[in-house]
Structures are given as C-alpha cells and as structure tokens.
Amino acid sequence: MSIDSDDAALPGYGAADVVVVIDDSGDDDDDKPVRRDQAKAGMPAVKRARPNAPKSSWIHDHTSIINDRRICGVAPCKLSWSTKTTTGVIAKHLEQHHRLTAQSKERAADQSSTQTVLTQFASISKSRSCRLDSAVAEYVVESTLPHTHTESKPFKSLMNVSVPGYVTKSSRTTKRCILKMYVVLKYMMIALFKSFEAKVSCTYDGWSNTMLKGFYSVTVHWVHVATGDLVETLLDFFYILPGEGCGLRCAEAIFNLLCAFGLGDRILVTVSDNGSDAVNAGVHLSSMLRTRFSHDVLPDDHRVRCFTHSFQLGINAAIRVIQPSVAMLRKSIAMLRSGKARRAAFRRFAVAAYERTMEPPCLDVVTRWGSTNNMLASALKCRQAITMTVGFEEIAKDFVDAGIDLSDEKIWSQTKSLVNEVCLATMLPYQQHFNSRPARIAQFLDPRIPKPLAERNVALTTINFLMATTYSAAVDAEAARAALRVRAGDQWHSNSDSSALTGVAMLLRARRQR
C-alpha cells in the first residue's frame, strides 16, 4: 500500500479525503506505514481483508455430504446426520463404533496447523457383533462375574486385542443380554420338563450379597431318564422381605415358581437348611401343593434338611460336650506360651520326657475347626511335658489361680476321642434328618455330594428305576431299557418288587465300603 505525497497536497485531498489503496498482493510489512499515517490523520485503522477459511475437522475425512445429509463413510455403516449436527456427536460415533480417534500433537515451530493422528480398525458386521455380545453374556454368566465386568479396562483391552473392531458393550447392555438369555432358557427348560415325567428334588436356600441384601435361590435336581446322569439347574433367585411371615412369603414365591415351570405336582422332596424361615417355608409349600394338586404331593416326611446342615447339628452338639475340655487345654497352652519362665520350664520337661527340645503347641483360631484339631493333636503328642510343667512347684500357683487343672483324665480322653465316640454319640438324635428314605434319595439327587465315578452310571440308573416304580413316575421305553442293562449279578441290581429303601440302602453300604 502507498499514498502519493503530491496527490495529498492538491486541493480536495485534505486529511479527511485520504484515499487508502488496498493491494492484496503486498506483504504484511507494507501495512505498517499506512497504519502510521492513518493514526496521524485520526482515521480508524483499516485492516486488510482476509478470506473466510472454512473450519476443518478430522471427522470430514470419514464423512461426506449428500442431499443435505452428512453420511458416515466407514463401511458398512450407513448412519447419517443432519448438516446441522455438531461435530461432537459425529466424533463420538466414530470413536465408539469405528475406533477412530484424533490426538493433537504439539505445534511445530514452522507449522501453523494441528497434526492429526488417526487410528483405525476394521469394522465388523452387525451379525458378528451380536454373536460376540451373546458370547460375552454367556461368559459372564458361566464365570459368575458381575455384569459390570464388561466395563473394566483389562476386559476391554483383551477384547480390543483379540477382536479388533468389536465395541465392548456397556454394563446395562450386558445386563439386558443376560435377561434375554434367561427368558429364552426359561421356555427351553419348560419344554424340557414337559418331555419327561420323572420326579425332581427341589432345594432352596437363603443367601446374602455384599450389600447385605438377602435373597432365596431355588434349584432342582433329577436323574436323566435315559442316561441315568445327575442333572441340576437353577430355576430362579428372588428377594424375600425379611421379618414376620418370611416363611409364608418364601413359600408363595417358590410355589409360583414351581407352577410356572410345570413342576408343582412332580416334587419328590424339598431340601432346606435348619433356619426357621426355611422350615416354615417347607410347611407352607407342602400345604399349598396339596391344596392345588393332590393330598399325595410332598408328604410330611419328604420335607428333609440338607445333609451337611444336619451333620452340622451333630457336630455342634459334640463340640458343646467337649467344649470345657477344649477350653481348658486352650487356656493352658496360652499360659505356657506367654511367660518366659513357663516356656523355659516346658522346654526342660520336654527334653527330660522326649530327649529333644520342643516348643509349646500353637494356639488355634476359634472359628477354624482345622486349627483347633491341630492344636489338640499337638497337645496330645506333648501331654507328658504339659502336665509336668503345670504341676511344677515354682509356677503351679499361676495355673491354680487361673483355674486350670489337667489332672482330670476326662479332658484327655475326650480330646482323644473327639471325632470318634463323642461325635457318634451326639449324632444319634439327628440321624432322622439324613437316614430316612426321602433324605437318602435326596442325597443322591444333590450333585454337591461327591459320588465315585465307578458307580455313577449304574447306580443312578438303578435309583431312577426305583423312583419310577415306587413314586408312580412315568418311565418311558428308553428309561426301562437303561434300567434293564444292569446285570443280575451286579451288586447294584434290584428286582422290580424290591423297595426303594432297600435299593438305596444297598447303594449306601457299597459307598461306605469303597
């Protein structure tokens, strides 16, 4: 830009009539004298006109505008947006569904634009993505993982490496997939139960999650009518409002669940723990089934308790019998380990009795029966050293003041027979819970109780045959042929006129022999 000085001096070309000539071909340095002259003349500054450059974004490389619609250019995606849609919405779609990301680098000294780095993975088809979603939901269910596991960084990293282009679904989507799977499996299970008419065993138990929210789970167990294999499935788990009437509410929920699956009149036994709510639920459930179907459904003696829970009652009774002796030994060992003089005296008596140095036995963890067993076994091994230390004149007063007297032979005899005579004697009142005919059959129907593989096929086929004849369960031709495959000379063989109690008792005796 320039102003001719001669023209500026002519009349009519005063300061107010200064003409500014804009030359687009000039450099930026030519604007400086013009701006100084404008400032001296009191004129407003006139900036050089610049063309409006269109804003560029990395999303424009992956989209195109057709008929006033912006279309995603990543095949096979056909999503489109309005031309007024913000770039943030389109960028989110490219990042989540096509793994396209933009990362800004530092501005170089000789560059005026931001460098964009794009990372792209091949997109997968929708059908394959749906199959992967189902596989992920099945993996979460079978591994008993929370549905939020799909949002964890390690899982996302694993899926990105193993299946590039697959977008890991959110936890809510995974939860919906699991619910869809449950609905499909529910109708498949209903169709399966209609395909055979054998009796089933129903087990229900109460649990609580990490949030201390309780719920009941219901499982059913039966013997396959053709192969004789044990089969189990989880029907459902539901929340039960605690408080008064909990047993009745639990029974109503189980009753509705069994009727929905078509198992209301096919319950052989119900198994529960020793809780009052579970016991009351069994009573109400039996009454509901009899009212709805028949008086022969679920008799009173077919409401049994879990074998392990019943066994626990006997163990607790045995522990109460020997608890004074165990507490006496525990207190004695604690005093032997606490004082230096008492520990030194124990070492001397151990050398005199066993000709080797020994330390006092380790204390147990009260809530862990295994550690208590180790403590009592160690005390029996060094019994002579313990009794000599407790009766030593110099430290005997400490034990007398604490009320410790190990001279009673009952303490050592009960400790020695902890898992033998004492346990068996206290278990007698509880044998009714797991020695009855329905309880024994329920034990075999419960897959949680391990069974030898050698007797699995033959024994369970025999049980299925006995159940069918005794409890009027329909036996198809394949089940009858499977039962007849048992050899007559085999120890599992049972004639058709034999009772179920005899057959199951025979199987139990064989298990104990093995």
Protein backbone atom coordinates (compact mmCIF):
# COMPACT_ATOMS: atom_id res chain seq x y z
CA MET A 1 0.00 0.00 0.00
CA SER A 2 1.16 3.59 -0.71
CA ILE A 3 -0.16 7.16 -0.82
CA ASP A 4 1.25 9.61 -3.34
CA SER A 5 2.51 12.68 -1.48
CA ASP A 6 1.85 15.00 -4.47
CA ASP A 7 -1.78 13.97 -4.67
CA ALA A 8 -2.17 14.53 -0.96
CA ALA A 9 -1.08 18.18 -1.37
CA LEU A 10 -3.64 19.04 -4.08
CA PRO A 11 -6.90 20.85 -3.19
CA GLY A 12 -9.65 18.49 -2.32
CA TYR A 13 -7.27 15.94 -0.96
CA GLY A 14 -7.25 17.02 2.64
CA ALA A 15 -6.68 14.86 5.61
CA ALA A 16 -10.32 13.87 5.64
CA ASP A 17 -10.15 12.80 1.99
CA VAL A 18 -7.21 10.49 2.21
CA VAL A 19 -7.70 7.53 -0.09
CA VAL A 20 -6.50 4.16 1.10
CA VAL A 21 -5.48 1.81 -1.67
CA ILE A 22 -5.62 -1.86 -0.79
CA ASP A 23 -3.19 -4.09 -2.58
CA ASP A 24 -3.79 -7.75 -1.88
CA SER A 25 -0.51 -8.71 -3.46
CA GLY A 26 1.58 -6.75 -0.99
CA ASP A 27 3.29 -8.12 2.09
CA ASP A 28 2.28 -7.54 5.65
CA ASP A 29 5.22 -5.15 6.09
CA ASP A 30 3.62 -2.65 3.64
CA ASP A 31 0.71 -2.15 6.07
CA LYS A 32 2.89 -0.58 8.74
CA PRO A 33 3.46 2.93 7.15
CA VAL A 34 -0.21 3.10 6.12
CA ARG A 35 -1.33 2.41 9.66
CA ARG A 36 1.05 5.06 10.96
CA ASP A 37 -0.37 7.64 8.51
CA GLN A 38 -3.91 6.65 9.49
CA ALA A 39 -3.10 7.11 13.15
CA LYS A 40 -1.62 10.59 12.49
CA ALA A 41 -4.67 11.64 10.49
CA GLY A 42 -7.05 10.42 13.19
CA MET A 43 -8.61 7.82 10.91
CA PRO A 44 -9.82 4.45 12.17
CA ALA A 45 -7.50 1.60 11.36
CA VAL A 46 -8.45 -0.37 8.28
CA LYS A 47 -7.42 -3.99 8.42
CA ARG A 48 -6.56 -5.99 5.38
CA ALA A 49 -9.46 -8.06 4.22
CA ARG A 50 -8.87 -11.82 4.58
CA PRO A 51 -10.99 -14.55 3.01
CA ASN A 52 -13.03 -16.69 5.45
CA ALA A 53 -11.22 -20.06 5.59
CA PRO A 54 -13.58 -23.00 6.29
CA LYS A 55 -13.04 -24.79 9.59
CA SER A 56 -11.59 -28.27 9.13
CA SER A 57 -12.08 -31.28 11.42
CA TRP A 58 -10.77 -34.80 11.32
CA ILE A 59 -14.31 -36.13 11.02
CA HIS A 60 -14.59 -34.66 7.50
CA ASP A 61 -12.15 -37.28 6.28
CA HIS A 62 -14.64 -40.00 7.21
CA THR A 63 -17.94 -38.38 6.26
CA SER A 64 -19.47 -36.92 3.12
CA ILE A 65 -22.45 -34.64 2.42
CA ILE A 66 -25.09 -35.98 0.03
CA ASN A 67 -28.52 -34.35 -0.39
CA ASP A 68 -28.03 -32.13 2.67
CA ARG A 69 -27.23 -35.17 4.81
CA ARG A 70 -23.83 -35.98 6.30
CA ILE A 71 -23.23 -39.72 5.80
CA CYS A 72 -20.71 -41.87 7.62
CA GLY A 73 -18.10 -43.06 5.15
CA VAL A 74 -16.85 -46.06 7.13
CA ALA A 75 -18.23 -49.20 5.51
CA PRO A 76 -20.59 -50.90 6.13
CA CYS A 77 -22.08 -48.19 8.36
CA LYS A 78 -24.93 -46.27 6.75
CA LEU A 79 -25.71 -43.82 9.53
CA SER A 80 -26.43 -40.23 8.50
CA TRP A 81 -26.97 -36.93 10.29
CA SER A 82 -28.32 -33.52 9.50
CA THR A 83 -25.81 -30.94 8.32
CA LYS A 84 -26.57 -29.01 11.49
CA THR A 85 -25.41 -31.87 13.70
CA THR A 86 -22.45 -30.88 15.82
CA THR A 87 -19.08 -32.45 15.20
CA GLY A 88 -19.03 -33.78 18.76
CA VAL A 89 -21.92 -36.16 18.06
CA ILE A 90 -20.28 -37.45 14.88
CA ALA A 91 -16.89 -37.76 16.57
CA LYS A 92 -18.43 -39.81 19.39
CA HIS A 93 -19.96 -42.18 16.83
CA LEU A 94 -16.64 -42.61 15.01
CA GLU A 95 -14.80 -43.24 18.27
CA GLN A 96 -17.26 -45.74 19.75
CA HIS A 97 -18.31 -47.70 16.66
CA HIS A 98 -15.30 -47.47 14.36
CA ARG A 99 -12.38 -46.93 16.75
CA LEU A 100 -11.38 -43.69 15.04
CA THR A 101 -9.65 -41.25 17.37
CA ALA A 102 -7.93 -37.89 16.93
CA GLN A 103 -4.95 -36.91 19.04
CA SER A 104 -3.41 -33.45 18.82
CA LYS A 105 0.36 -33.21 18.68
CA GLU A 106 2.40 -30.24 19.75
CA ARG A 107 2.53 -27.38 17.24
CA ALA A 108 5.80 -27.42 15.42
CA ALA A 109 7.79 -24.19 15.09
CA ASP A 110 7.37 -23.98 11.30
CA GLN A 111 3.79 -25.28 11.15
CA SER A 112 0.57 -23.36 11.65
CA SER A 113 -1.89 -26.31 11.80
CA THR A 114 -2.50 -29.07 14.32
CA GLN A 115 -1.35 -32.51 13.24
CA THR A 116 -3.97 -35.24 13.49
CA VAL A 117 -3.15 -38.89 14.09
CA LEU A 118 -5.83 -41.42 13.18
CA THR A 119 -6.01 -44.99 14.43
CA GLN A 120 -8.49 -47.18 12.57
CA PHE A 121 -9.59 -50.78 12.97
CA ALA A 122 -11.59 -52.76 10.50
CA SER A 123 -15.28 -52.65 11.37
CA ILE A 124 -17.08 -55.95 11.97
CA SER A 125 -20.50 -56.91 10.70
CA LYS A 126 -23.61 -56.48 12.81
CA SER A 127 -24.36 -60.21 12.88
CA ARG A 128 -20.89 -61.00 14.19
CA SER A 129 -21.19 -58.23 16.77
CA CYS A 130 -24.46 -59.78 18.01
CA ARG A 131 -22.83 -63.19 18.28
CA LEU A 132 -19.97 -61.69 20.25
CA ASP A 133 -22.46 -59.94 22.56
CA SER A 134 -24.14 -63.27 23.27
CA ALA A 135 -20.77 -64.94 23.85
CA VAL A 136 -19.75 -62.21 26.30
CA ALA A 137 -23.05 -62.53 28.20
CA GLU A 138 -22.62 -66.31 28.38
CA TYR A 139 -19.04 -65.88 29.59
CA VAL A 140 -20.17 -63.51 32.34
CA VAL A 141 -22.92 -65.89 33.47
CA GLU A 142 -20.87 -69.09 33.43
CA SER A 143 -17.94 -67.40 35.20
CA THR A 144 -20.32 -65.89 37.82
CA LEU A 145 -18.93 -62.43 37.14
CA PRO A 146 -20.82 -59.17 37.72
CA HIS A 147 -22.31 -57.57 34.63
CA THR A 148 -20.09 -54.53 35.26
CA HIS A 149 -17.07 -56.68 34.38
CA THR A 150 -17.51 -55.75 30.71
CA GLU A 151 -16.61 -52.14 31.52
CA SER A 152 -13.33 -52.99 33.23
CA LYS A 153 -10.16 -51.87 31.47
CA PRO A 154 -8.50 -55.33 31.39
CA PHE A 155 -11.55 -56.86 29.71
CA LYS A 156 -11.78 -54.07 27.14
CA SER A 157 -8.07 -54.38 26.41
CA LEU A 158 -8.43 -58.13 25.93
CA MET A 159 -11.34 -57.72 23.50
CA ASN A 160 -9.53 -55.00 21.53
CA VAL A 161 -6.53 -57.26 21.04
CA SER A 162 -8.45 -60.46 20.33
CA VAL A 163 -11.27 -58.98 18.21
CA PRO A 164 -10.19 -55.64 16.66
CA GLY A 165 -13.16 -53.54 15.71
CA TYR A 166 -15.54 -55.02 18.28
CA VAL A 167 -17.05 -52.42 20.57
CA THR A 168 -17.48 -53.75 24.10
CA LYS A 169 -21.00 -53.14 25.31
CA SER A 170 -21.82 -51.28 28.49
CA SER A 171 -22.84 -53.00 31.70
CA ARG A 172 -26.50 -52.12 31.10
CA THR A 173 -26.40 -53.73 27.67
CA THR A 174 -24.75 -56.81 29.15
CA LYS A 175 -27.46 -56.97 31.79
CA ARG A 176 -30.15 -56.82 29.11
CA CYS A 177 -28.42 -59.62 27.21
CA ILE A 178 -28.41 -61.75 30.36
CA LEU A 179 -32.12 -61.10 30.91
CA LYS A 180 -32.84 -62.07 27.30
CA MET A 181 -30.83 -65.23 27.81
CA TYR A 182 -32.86 -66.05 30.93
CA VAL A 183 -36.16 -65.63 29.09
CA VAL A 184 -35.02 -67.92 26.28
CA LEU A 185 -33.63 -70.52 28.66
CA LYS A 186 -36.78 -70.40 30.79
CA TYR A 187 -39.00 -71.52 27.92
CA MET A 188 -36.41 -74.11 26.91
CA MET A 189 -36.47 -75.52 30.45
CA ILE A 190 -40.28 -75.60 30.46
CA ALA A 191 -40.19 -77.60 27.22
CA LEU A 192 -37.55 -79.90 28.71
CA PHE A 193 -39.62 -80.62 31.82
CA LYS A 194 -42.59 -81.48 29.62
CA SER A 195 -40.50 -84.05 27.73
CA PHE A 196 -40.19 -86.36 30.74
CA GLU A 197 -42.27 -87.10 33.85
CA ALA A 198 -39.69 -88.16 36.42
CA LYS A 199 -39.80 -86.70 39.91
CA VAL A 200 -37.41 -83.90 40.85
CA SER A 201 -35.87 -82.73 44.09
CA CYS A 202 -36.22 -79.05 44.98
CA THR A 203 -33.58 -77.30 47.07
CA TYR A 204 -33.97 -73.73 48.30
CA ASP A 205 -31.57 -71.74 50.40
CA GLY A 206 -31.18 -68.18 51.57
CA TRP A 207 -28.14 -66.08 50.73
CA SER A 208 -27.00 -62.51 51.10
CA ASN A 209 -24.90 -60.41 48.74
CA THR A 210 -22.13 -57.92 49.54
CA MET A 211 -24.76 -55.23 50.21
CA LEU A 212 -26.30 -57.48 52.91
CA LYS A 213 -29.45 -57.84 50.82
CA GLY A 214 -30.89 -61.32 51.26
CA PHE A 215 -32.40 -63.45 48.53
CA TYR A 216 -33.51 -67.04 48.04
CA SER A 217 -32.22 -69.34 45.33
CA VAL A 218 -34.20 -72.35 44.09
CA THR A 219 -32.54 -75.30 42.34
CA VAL A 220 -33.96 -78.59 41.12
CA HIS A 221 -32.12 -81.90 40.75
CA TRP A 222 -33.19 -85.01 38.93
CA VAL A 223 -31.86 -88.15 37.26
CA HIS A 224 -31.86 -88.25 33.47
CA VAL A 225 -34.40 -90.88 32.46
CA ALA A 226 -32.29 -92.16 29.56
CA THR A 227 -28.65 -91.90 30.68
CA GLY A 228 -29.02 -92.04 34.46
CA ASP A 229 -26.85 -88.95 34.92
CA LEU A 230 -27.49 -86.36 37.61
CA VAL A 231 -28.84 -83.09 36.25
CA GLU A 232 -29.30 -79.83 38.10
CA THR A 233 -30.41 -76.35 37.20
CA LEU A 234 -31.04 -73.04 38.91
CA LEU A 235 -34.65 -72.03 38.42
CA ASP A 236 -34.53 -68.54 39.85
CA PHE A 237 -33.50 -66.41 42.79
CA PHE A 238 -35.72 -63.76 44.29
CA TYR A 239 -35.78 -61.25 47.09
CA ILE A 240 -37.85 -62.03 50.18
CA LEU A 241 -38.87 -59.27 52.54
CA PRO A 242 -37.46 -60.21 55.98
CA GLY A 243 -39.40 -60.07 59.19
CA GLU A 244 -42.55 -61.71 60.45
CA GLY A 245 -44.16 -64.00 57.89
CA CYS A 246 -40.94 -64.52 55.94
CA GLY A 247 -41.55 -68.28 55.67
CA LEU A 248 -45.01 -67.79 54.16
CA ARG A 249 -43.74 -65.24 51.63
CA CYS A 250 -40.91 -67.58 50.68
CA ALA A 251 -43.35 -70.49 50.22
CA GLU A 252 -45.60 -68.40 47.97
CA ALA A 253 -42.66 -67.39 45.78
CA ILE A 254 -41.43 -70.99 45.46
CA PHE A 255 -44.97 -72.25 44.77
CA ASN A 256 -45.50 -69.76 41.95
CA LEU A 257 -42.08 -70.58 40.51
CA LEU A 258 -42.66 -74.35 40.50
CA CYS A 259 -46.09 -73.95 38.93
CA ALA A 260 -44.64 -71.69 36.22
CA PHE A 261 -42.19 -74.44 35.24
CA GLY A 262 -44.84 -77.16 35.45
CA LEU A 263 -43.23 -78.93 38.42
CA GLY A 264 -45.87 -78.38 41.08
CA ASP A 265 -47.09 -82.00 41.15
CA ARG A 266 -43.70 -83.60 40.48
CA ILE A 267 -41.76 -82.65 43.61
CA LEU A 268 -40.27 -85.72 45.26
CA VAL A 269 -38.59 -83.99 48.20
CA THR A 270 -37.74 -80.47 49.30
CA VAL A 271 -34.36 -79.81 50.88
CA SER A 272 -33.56 -76.81 53.07
CA ASP A 273 -31.29 -75.79 55.88
CA ASN A 274 -32.14 -75.56 59.57
CA GLY A 275 -33.31 -71.94 59.54
CA SER A 276 -36.74 -71.24 60.96
CA ASP A 277 -37.81 -69.37 57.83
CA ALA A 278 -36.74 -72.28 55.61
CA VAL A 279 -38.53 -74.85 57.79
CA ASN A 280 -41.73 -72.78 57.85
CA ALA A 281 -41.49 -72.26 54.10
CA GLY A 282 -41.42 -76.04 53.62
CA VAL A 283 -44.55 -76.48 55.75
CA HIS A 284 -46.49 -73.79 53.87
CA LEU A 285 -45.25 -75.03 50.49
CA SER A 286 -46.43 -78.56 51.24
CA SER A 287 -49.86 -77.26 52.23
CA MET A 288 -50.15 -75.17 49.05
CA LEU A 289 -49.16 -78.07 46.80
CA ARG A 290 -51.66 -80.41 48.45
CA THR A 291 -54.45 -77.87 48.12
CA ARG A 292 -53.66 -77.18 44.47
CA PHE A 293 -52.90 -80.69 43.19
CA SER A 294 -53.39 -83.70 45.48
CA HIS A 295 -53.01 -84.80 49.07
CA ASP A 296 -50.30 -87.23 48.00
CA VAL A 297 -47.94 -84.48 46.85
CA LEU A 298 -44.98 -83.82 49.12
CA PRO A 299 -45.81 -85.73 52.33
CA ASP A 300 -44.50 -84.50 55.64
CA ASP A 301 -41.58 -86.93 55.73
CA HIS A 302 -40.44 -85.68 52.32
CA ARG A 303 -39.51 -82.28 53.71
CA VAL A 304 -35.91 -83.03 54.63
CA ARG A 305 -32.99 -80.95 55.74
CA CYS A 306 -29.70 -80.66 53.94
CA PHE A 307 -27.29 -83.48 54.80
CA THR A 308 -24.42 -81.14 55.60
CA HIS A 309 -26.61 -78.88 57.72
CA SER A 310 -27.98 -81.85 59.65
CA PHE A 311 -24.48 -83.16 60.12
CA GLN A 312 -23.52 -79.73 61.42
CA LEU A 313 -26.13 -80.02 64.17
CA GLY A 314 -24.46 -83.17 65.44
CA ILE A 315 -21.01 -81.61 65.21
CA ASN A 316 -22.16 -78.60 67.21
CA ALA A 317 -23.66 -80.90 69.83
CA ALA A 318 -20.38 -82.81 70.03
CA ILE A 319 -18.44 -79.58 70.39
CA ARG A 320 -20.69 -78.49 73.26
CA VAL A 321 -19.93 -81.74 75.07
CA ILE A 322 -16.17 -81.38 74.81
CA GLN A 323 -16.10 -77.57 74.91
CA PRO A 324 -14.95 -77.41 78.60
CA SER A 325 -12.03 -79.74 77.87
CA VAL A 326 -11.01 -77.83 74.75
CA ALA A 327 -11.25 -74.50 76.59
CA MET A 328 -9.11 -75.88 79.44
CA LEU A 329 -6.37 -77.03 77.05
CA ARG A 330 -6.51 -73.77 75.09
CA LYS A 331 -6.08 -71.73 78.28
CA SER A 332 -3.20 -73.93 79.46
CA ILE A 333 -1.34 -73.60 76.15
CA ALA A 334 -1.84 -69.83 76.16
CA MET A 335 -0.24 -69.55 79.61
CA LEU A 336 2.65 -71.83 78.60
CA ARG A 337 3.43 -69.61 75.64
CA SER A 338 3.00 -66.27 77.40
CA GLY A 339 5.56 -66.41 80.25
CA LYS A 340 9.32 -66.83 79.76
CA ALA A 341 9.69 -68.90 82.94
CA ARG A 342 6.81 -71.20 81.98
CA ARG A 343 8.13 -71.63 78.43
CA ALA A 344 11.64 -72.44 79.75
CA ALA A 345 10.19 -74.98 82.19
CA PHE A 346 8.26 -76.62 79.35
CA ARG A 347 11.45 -76.95 77.29
CA ARG A 348 13.30 -78.61 80.19
CA PHE A 349 10.50 -81.11 80.84
CA ALA A 350 10.24 -81.84 77.10
CA VAL A 351 13.95 -82.72 76.98
CA ALA A 352 13.54 -84.92 80.05
CA ALA A 353 10.46 -86.69 78.67
CA TYR A 354 11.23 -86.94 74.94
CA GLU A 355 15.00 -86.30 74.85
CA ARG A 356 14.58 -83.42 72.44
CA THR A 357 13.74 -79.74 72.62
CA MET A 358 10.10 -78.85 71.99
CA GLU A 359 8.06 -75.66 71.99
CA PRO A 360 4.54 -75.35 73.41
CA PRO A 361 1.78 -76.06 70.86
CA CYS A 362 0.43 -73.18 68.81
CA LEU A 363 -2.93 -71.71 69.69
CA ASP A 364 -5.86 -72.25 67.37
CA VAL A 365 -8.23 -69.87 65.64
CA VAL A 366 -11.54 -70.44 67.39
CA THR A 367 -13.61 -70.07 64.23
CA ARG A 368 -11.49 -72.58 62.29
CA TRP A 369 -12.01 -76.15 63.32
CA GLY A 370 -8.95 -77.32 61.40
CA SER A 371 -6.62 -75.21 63.51
CA THR A 372 -8.33 -76.47 66.69
CA ASN A 373 -7.73 -80.02 65.55
CA ASN A 374 -4.03 -79.25 65.01
CA MET A 375 -3.75 -77.69 68.46
CA LEU A 376 -5.36 -80.68 70.18
CA ALA A 377 -3.22 -83.15 68.22
CA SER A 378 -0.05 -81.29 69.23
CA ALA A 379 -1.21 -81.20 72.85
CA LEU A 380 -1.71 -84.97 72.84
CA LYS A 381 1.81 -85.50 71.49
CA CYS A 382 3.41 -83.49 74.31
CA ARG A 383 0.88 -84.38 77.03
CA GLN A 384 3.57 -85.51 79.50
CA ALA A 385 5.54 -82.28 79.18
CA ILE A 386 2.40 -80.17 79.62
CA THR A 387 1.24 -81.98 82.76
CA MET A 388 4.74 -81.84 84.29
CA THR A 389 5.00 -78.10 83.59
CA VAL A 390 1.56 -77.35 85.03
CA GLY A 391 2.41 -79.28 88.22
CA PHE A 392 5.87 -77.72 88.66
CA GLU A 393 6.10 -76.15 92.13
CA GLU A 394 7.64 -72.84 91.04
CA ILE A 395 4.87 -71.99 88.55
CA ALA A 396 1.99 -74.20 89.72
CA LYS A 397 0.39 -71.27 91.57
CA ASP A 398 -0.14 -69.41 88.27
CA PHE A 399 -2.19 -72.27 86.85
CA VAL A 400 -4.13 -72.80 90.10
CA ASP A 401 -5.09 -69.12 90.22
CA ALA A 402 -6.30 -69.38 86.61
CA GLY A 403 -8.47 -72.40 87.49
CA ILE A 404 -6.51 -74.86 85.33
CA ASP A 405 -6.47 -78.49 86.42
CA LEU A 406 -5.24 -81.05 83.89
CA SER A 407 -5.27 -83.94 86.33
CA ASP A 408 -8.76 -84.96 85.22
CA GLU A 409 -8.42 -87.85 82.80
CA LYS A 410 -11.70 -86.88 81.14
CA ILE A 411 -10.02 -83.90 79.49
CA TRP A 412 -7.51 -86.08 77.65
CA SER A 413 -9.94 -88.89 76.89
CA GLN A 414 -12.47 -86.51 75.34
CA THR A 415 -9.75 -84.84 73.33
CA LYS A 416 -8.52 -88.18 72.06
CA SER A 417 -11.98 -89.40 71.10
CA LEU A 418 -13.08 -86.09 69.63
CA VAL A 419 -14.02 -87.45 66.22
CA ASN A 420 -14.93 -90.96 67.35
CA GLU A 421 -17.17 -91.96 70.26
CA VAL A 422 -18.23 -88.46 71.34
CA CYS A 423 -19.19 -87.38 67.84
CA LEU A 424 -21.11 -90.57 67.06
CA ALA A 425 -22.99 -90.46 70.35
CA THR A 426 -24.14 -86.89 69.84
CA MET A 427 -25.08 -87.53 66.20
CA LEU A 428 -27.73 -90.11 67.10
CA PRO A 429 -30.61 -87.65 67.70
CA TYR A 430 -30.04 -86.08 64.27
CA GLN A 431 -29.92 -89.22 62.18
CA GLN A 432 -33.60 -88.85 61.38
CA HIS A 433 -32.73 -85.90 59.14
CA PHE A 434 -30.47 -87.85 56.78
CA ASN A 435 -31.23 -91.55 57.34
CA SER A 436 -34.84 -91.54 56.17
CA ARG A 437 -35.80 -92.85 52.74
CA PRO A 438 -36.52 -89.44 51.14
CA ALA A 439 -33.38 -87.95 52.65
CA ARG A 440 -31.19 -90.70 51.22
CA ILE A 441 -32.68 -90.30 47.78
CA ALA A 442 -32.25 -86.53 48.04
CA GLN A 443 -28.57 -87.06 48.82
CA PHE A 444 -28.12 -88.86 45.53
CA LEU A 445 -30.11 -86.22 43.69
CA ASP A 446 -27.87 -83.49 45.08
CA PRO A 447 -24.78 -83.11 42.84
CA ARG A 448 -22.98 -81.21 45.60
CA ILE A 449 -22.32 -84.52 47.39
CA PRO A 450 -19.42 -86.24 45.56
CA LYS A 451 -20.01 -89.75 44.29
CA PRO A 452 -17.48 -92.28 42.96
CA LEU A 453 -17.32 -92.33 39.17
CA ALA A 454 -17.27 -96.13 39.07
CA GLU A 455 -20.83 -96.39 40.38
CA ARG A 456 -22.20 -93.28 38.70
CA ASN A 457 -23.84 -94.72 35.58
CA VAL A 458 -25.16 -97.98 37.02
CA ALA A 459 -26.14 -96.76 40.46
CA LEU A 460 -28.05 -93.72 39.31
CA THR A 461 -29.87 -95.71 36.66
CA THR A 462 -30.99 -98.09 39.38
CA ILE A 463 -32.16 -95.19 41.53
CA ASN A 464 -34.09 -93.81 38.59
CA PHE A 465 -35.77 -97.20 38.13
CA LEU A 466 -36.65 -97.43 41.82
CA MET A 467 -38.01 -93.91 41.89
CA ALA A 468 -40.18 -94.58 38.87
CA THR A 469 -41.72 -97.76 40.33
CA THR A 470 -42.15 -96.52 43.88
CA TYR A 471 -43.37 -92.97 43.31
CA SER A 472 -45.50 -93.64 40.21
CA ALA A 473 -43.27 -91.60 37.95
CA ALA A 474 -43.80 -92.46 34.30
CA VAL A 475 -40.91 -94.39 32.76
CA ASP A 476 -40.54 -94.32 29.00
CA ALA A 477 -39.14 -97.17 26.93
CA GLU A 478 -35.61 -95.79 26.88
CA ALA A 479 -35.50 -95.48 30.67
CA ALA A 480 -36.77 -99.04 31.08
CA ARG A 481 -34.11 -100.36 28.70
CA ALA A 482 -31.44 -98.39 30.58
CA ALA A 483 -32.56 -99.96 33.86
CA LEU A 484 -32.54 -103.47 32.38
CA ARG A 485 -28.94 -103.04 31.23
CA VAL A 486 -27.89 -103.63 34.85
CA ARG A 487 -26.60 -107.19 35.16
CA ALA A 488 -28.46 -109.51 37.51
CA GLY A 489 -25.29 -110.50 39.34
CA ASP A 490 -24.16 -106.94 39.86
CA GLN A 491 -24.20 -105.51 43.35
CA TRP A 492 -26.42 -102.66 42.13
CA HIS A 493 -29.09 -104.98 40.73
CA SER A 494 -32.56 -104.70 42.23
CA ASN A 495 -35.69 -106.58 41.25
CA SER A 496 -38.85 -104.70 40.45
CA ASP A 497 -40.53 -105.91 43.64
CA SER A 498 -37.75 -104.50 45.85
CA SER A 499 -38.47 -101.37 47.78
CA ALA A 500 -36.71 -98.09 47.14
CA LEU A 501 -35.46 -98.09 50.71
CA THR A 502 -33.68 -101.43 50.21
CA GLY A 503 -32.10 -100.33 46.95
CA VAL A 504 -30.86 -97.01 48.27
CA ALA A 505 -29.58 -98.61 51.48
CA MET A 506 -27.66 -101.13 49.36
CA LEU A 507 -26.07 -98.31 47.42
CA LEU A 508 -25.15 -96.51 50.63
CA ARG A 509 -23.47 -99.62 52.03
CA ALA A 510 -21.46 -100.00 48.85
CA ARG A 511 -20.33 -96.40 49.04
CA ARG A 512 -19.11 -96.84 52.60
CA GLN A 513 -17.17 -99.97 51.66
CA ARG A 514 -15.35 -98.13 48.95
